C-alpha atoms as a PDB file:
ATOM      1  CA  MET A   1      -0.010   0.013  -0.008  1.00  0.00           C
ATOM      2  CA  TYR A   2       1.191   3.477  -0.799  1.00  0.00           C
ATOM      3  CA  ALA A   3       0.091   6.572   1.109  1.00  0.00           C
ATOM      4  CA  VAL A   4       0.928   9.906  -0.492  1.00  0.00           C
ATOM      5  CA  TRP A   5       0.636  12.923   1.758  1.00  0.00           C
ATOM      6  CA  ILE A   6      -0.068  16.257   0.087  1.00  0.00           C
ATOM      7  CA  PRO A   7      -0.628  19.847   1.293  1.00  0.00           C
ATOM      8  CA  MET A   8      -4.332  20.418   0.579  1.00  0.00           C
ATOM      9  CA  LEU A   9      -5.481  22.107   3.784  1.00  0.00           C
ATOM     10  CA  MET A  10      -3.894  24.978   5.688  1.00  0.00           C
ATOM     11  CA  PHE A  11      -2.424  22.698   8.363  1.00  0.00           C
ATOM     12  CA  ASP A  12      -1.080  20.091   5.874  1.00  0.00           C
ATOM     13  CA  ALA A  13       2.683  20.480   5.854  1.00  0.00           C
ATOM     14  CA  LYS A  14       5.658  18.164   5.606  1.00  0.00           C
ATOM     15  CA  PRO A  15       6.406  18.437   9.388  1.00  0.00           C
ATOM     16  CA  ALA A  16       2.895  17.031  10.085  1.00  0.00           C
ATOM     17  CA  VAL A  17       3.498  13.869   8.072  1.00  0.00           C
ATOM     18  CA  PRO A  18       5.214  11.778  10.820  1.00  0.00           C
ATOM     19  CA  GLN A  19       2.146  12.209  13.025  1.00  0.00           C
ATOM     20  CA  ALA A  20      -0.220  11.487  10.112  1.00  0.00           C
ATOM     21  CA  THR A  21       1.578   8.255   9.216  1.00  0.00           C
ATOM     22  CA  LYS A  22       0.538   6.816  12.581  1.00  0.00           C
ATOM     23  CA  ARG A  23      -2.949   6.447  11.116  1.00  0.00           C
ATOM     24  CA  LEU A  24      -1.515   3.907   8.679  1.00  0.00           C
ATOM     25  CA  SER A  25       1.152   2.282  10.793  1.00  0.00           C
ATOM     26  CA  ASP A  26       1.253  -1.171   9.127  1.00  0.00           C
ATOM     27  CA  VAL A  27       4.787  -1.966   7.919  1.00  0.00           C
ATOM     28  CA  ARG A  28       3.417  -2.769   4.451  1.00  0.00           C
ATOM     29  CA  VAL A  29       2.386   0.884   3.966  1.00  0.00           C
ATOM     30  CA  HIS A  30       4.938   3.064   2.165  1.00  0.00           C
ATOM     31  CA  HIS A  31       4.586   6.777   2.853  1.00  0.00           C
ATOM     32  CA  TYR A  32       5.510   9.572   0.443  1.00  0.00           C
ATOM     33  CA  TRP A  33       5.344  13.347   0.502  1.00  0.00           C
ATOM     34  CA  ASP A  34       4.250  15.258  -2.622  1.00  0.00           C
ATOM     35  CA  GLY A  35       4.690  18.890  -1.650  1.00  0.00           C
ATOM     36  CA  GLU A  36       3.985  20.164  -5.148  1.00  0.00           C
ATOM     37  CA  ARG A  37       0.785  18.091  -5.572  1.00  0.00           C
ATOM     38  CA  LYS A  38       2.005  16.663  -8.865  1.00  0.00           C
ATOM     39  CA  LEU A  39       0.255  13.382  -8.191  1.00  0.00           C
ATOM     40  CA  VAL A  40      -3.056  15.264  -7.762  1.00  0.00           C
ATOM     41  CA  ALA A  41      -2.760  16.626 -11.292  1.00  0.00           C
ATOM     42  CA  ASP A  42      -1.744  13.225 -12.636  1.00  0.00           C
ATOM     43  CA  TYR A  43      -4.764  11.527 -11.048  1.00  0.00           C
ATOM     44  CA  ALA A  44      -7.101  14.257 -12.267  1.00  0.00           C
ATOM     45  CA  ARG A  45      -6.019  13.393 -15.832  1.00  0.00           C
ATOM     46  CA  THR A  46      -6.343   9.662 -15.197  1.00  0.00           C
ATOM     47  CA  LEU A  47      -9.846  10.078 -13.778  1.00  0.00           C
ATOM     48  CA  GLY A  48     -10.862  12.567 -16.487  1.00  0.00           C
ATOM     49  CA  THR A  49     -11.833  15.309 -14.049  1.00  0.00           C
ATOM     50  CA  ASN A  50     -11.090  18.993 -13.556  1.00  0.00           C
ATOM     51  CA  GLU A  51     -11.403  18.492  -9.803  1.00  0.00           C
ATOM     52  CA  GLN A  52      -8.412  17.918  -7.586  1.00  0.00           C
ATOM     53  CA  PRO A  53      -8.671  14.326  -6.311  1.00  0.00           C
ATOM     54  CA  TRP A  54      -7.444  14.110  -2.735  1.00  0.00           C
ATOM     55  CA  ASP A  55      -8.511  12.105   0.253  1.00  0.00           C
ATOM     56  CA  VAL A  56      -9.104   9.270  -2.216  1.00  0.00           C
ATOM     57  CA  TYR A  57      -8.619   5.523  -2.105  1.00  0.00           C
ATOM     58  CA  PHE A  58      -7.587   3.666  -5.247  1.00  0.00           C
ATOM     59  CA  LEU A  59      -7.623  -0.092  -5.778  1.00  0.00           C
ATOM     60  CA  TYR A  60      -5.807  -1.756  -8.667  1.00  0.00           C
ATOM     61  CA  ASP A  61      -5.933  -5.205 -10.167  1.00  0.00           C
ATOM     62  CA  ARG A  62      -2.774  -7.260 -10.464  1.00  0.00           C
ATOM     63  CA  ASP A  63      -2.102  -6.159 -14.034  1.00  0.00           C
ATOM     64  CA  ALA A  64      -1.995  -2.408 -13.343  1.00  0.00           C
ATOM     65  CA  GLU A  65       1.208  -0.737 -14.557  1.00  0.00           C
ATOM     66  CA  TRP A  66       2.434   2.735 -13.931  1.00  0.00           C
ATOM     67  CA  LYS A  67       3.789   4.111 -17.235  1.00  0.00           C
ATOM     68  CA  ASP A  68       3.550   7.799 -18.219  1.00  0.00           C
ATOM     69  CA  GLY A  69       1.137   8.427 -15.359  1.00  0.00           C
ATOM     70  CA  PRO A  70      -0.951   6.571 -12.852  1.00  0.00           C
ATOM     71  CA  PRO A  71      -3.021   3.723 -14.226  1.00  0.00           C
ATOM     72  CA  LYS A  72      -6.773   3.857 -14.085  1.00  0.00           C
ATOM     73  CA  PRO A  73      -7.871   2.244 -10.833  1.00  0.00           C
ATOM     74  CA  ALA A  74     -10.099  -0.833 -10.841  1.00  0.00           C
ATOM     75  CA  TYR A  75     -12.119   0.880  -8.119  1.00  0.00           C
ATOM     76  CA  TRP A  76     -11.909   4.134  -6.205  1.00  0.00           C
ATOM     77  CA  MET A  77     -13.677   6.124  -3.512  1.00  0.00           C
ATOM     78  CA  ASP A  78     -13.281   9.634  -2.142  1.00  0.00           C
ATOM     79  CA  GLN A  79     -14.215  11.503   0.993  1.00  0.00           C
ATOM     80  CA  ILE A  80     -14.793  14.892  -0.617  1.00  0.00           C
ATOM     81  CA  GLY A  81     -17.807  14.163  -2.798  1.00  0.00           C
ATOM     82  CA  MET A  82     -16.166  14.314  -6.201  1.00  0.00           C
ATOM     83  CA  GLU A  83     -18.355  14.405  -9.274  1.00  0.00           C
ATOM     84  CA  ASN A  84     -18.469  10.859 -10.784  1.00  0.00           C
ATOM     85  CA  GLY A  85     -16.859   9.549  -7.586  1.00  0.00           C
ATOM     86  CA  THR A  86     -18.105   7.039  -5.072  1.00  0.00           C
ATOM     87  CA  ARG A  87     -18.479   8.347  -1.530  1.00  0.00           C
ATOM     88  CA  PHE A  88     -16.165   6.636   0.936  1.00  0.00           C
ATOM     89  CA  ASP A  89     -17.691   3.650   2.696  1.00  0.00           C
ATOM     90  CA  ALA A  90     -15.267   1.485   4.672  1.00  0.00           C
ATOM     91  CA  VAL A  91     -17.406  -1.658   4.336  1.00  0.00           C
ATOM     92  CA  LYS A  92     -17.758  -1.267   0.589  1.00  0.00           C
ATOM     93  CA  LEU A  93     -14.063  -0.566   0.191  1.00  0.00           C
ATOM     94  CA  ALA A  94     -13.202  -3.696   2.183  1.00  0.00           C
ATOM     95  CA  GLU A  95     -15.541  -5.734  -0.020  1.00  0.00           C
ATOM     96  CA  GLN A  96     -13.999  -4.392  -3.210  1.00  0.00           C
ATOM     97  CA  THR A  97     -10.530  -5.051  -1.842  1.00  0.00           C
ATOM     98  CA  GLN A  98     -11.456  -8.633  -0.991  1.00  0.00           C
ATOM     99  CA  GLN A  99     -12.867  -9.150  -4.489  1.00  0.00           C
ATOM    100  CA  LEU A 100      -9.593  -8.029  -6.038  1.00  0.00           C
ATOM    101  CA  LEU A 101      -7.600 -10.232  -3.691  1.00  0.00           C
ATOM    102  CA  ASN A 102      -9.831 -13.209  -4.540  1.00  0.00           C
ATOM    103  CA  GLN A 103      -9.269 -12.607  -8.261  1.00  0.00           C
ATOM    104  CA  ARG A 104      -5.540 -12.627  -7.587  1.00  0.00           C
ATOM    105  CA  LYS A 105      -5.752 -16.037  -5.965  1.00  0.00           C
ATOM    106  CA  THR A 106      -7.587 -17.537  -8.975  1.00  0.00           C
ATOM    107  CA  LYS A 107      -5.181 -16.282 -11.637  1.00  0.00           C
END
């Protein structure tokens, strides 16, 4: 899992990242800082939106490859109410994650 921390709100700054990473403390989570929000612009293009996608959760199937930009996710949710997005629901996200993991086992 990758967590990318970006400055979207007034109190979002690089010095706050160590505290924020405690929310995702599993050793399998890799944390990154994108102070220039380049990934936000890349994901906006991938999702085909003029909105700035942040506070989003992307799931990928096993064949996803990062080439010139982020690949299109197999499933995604957001917490900010993006147009054409799916509102964050932890249970639904867990179900979608399990479906992708199950597909992985059968391939």
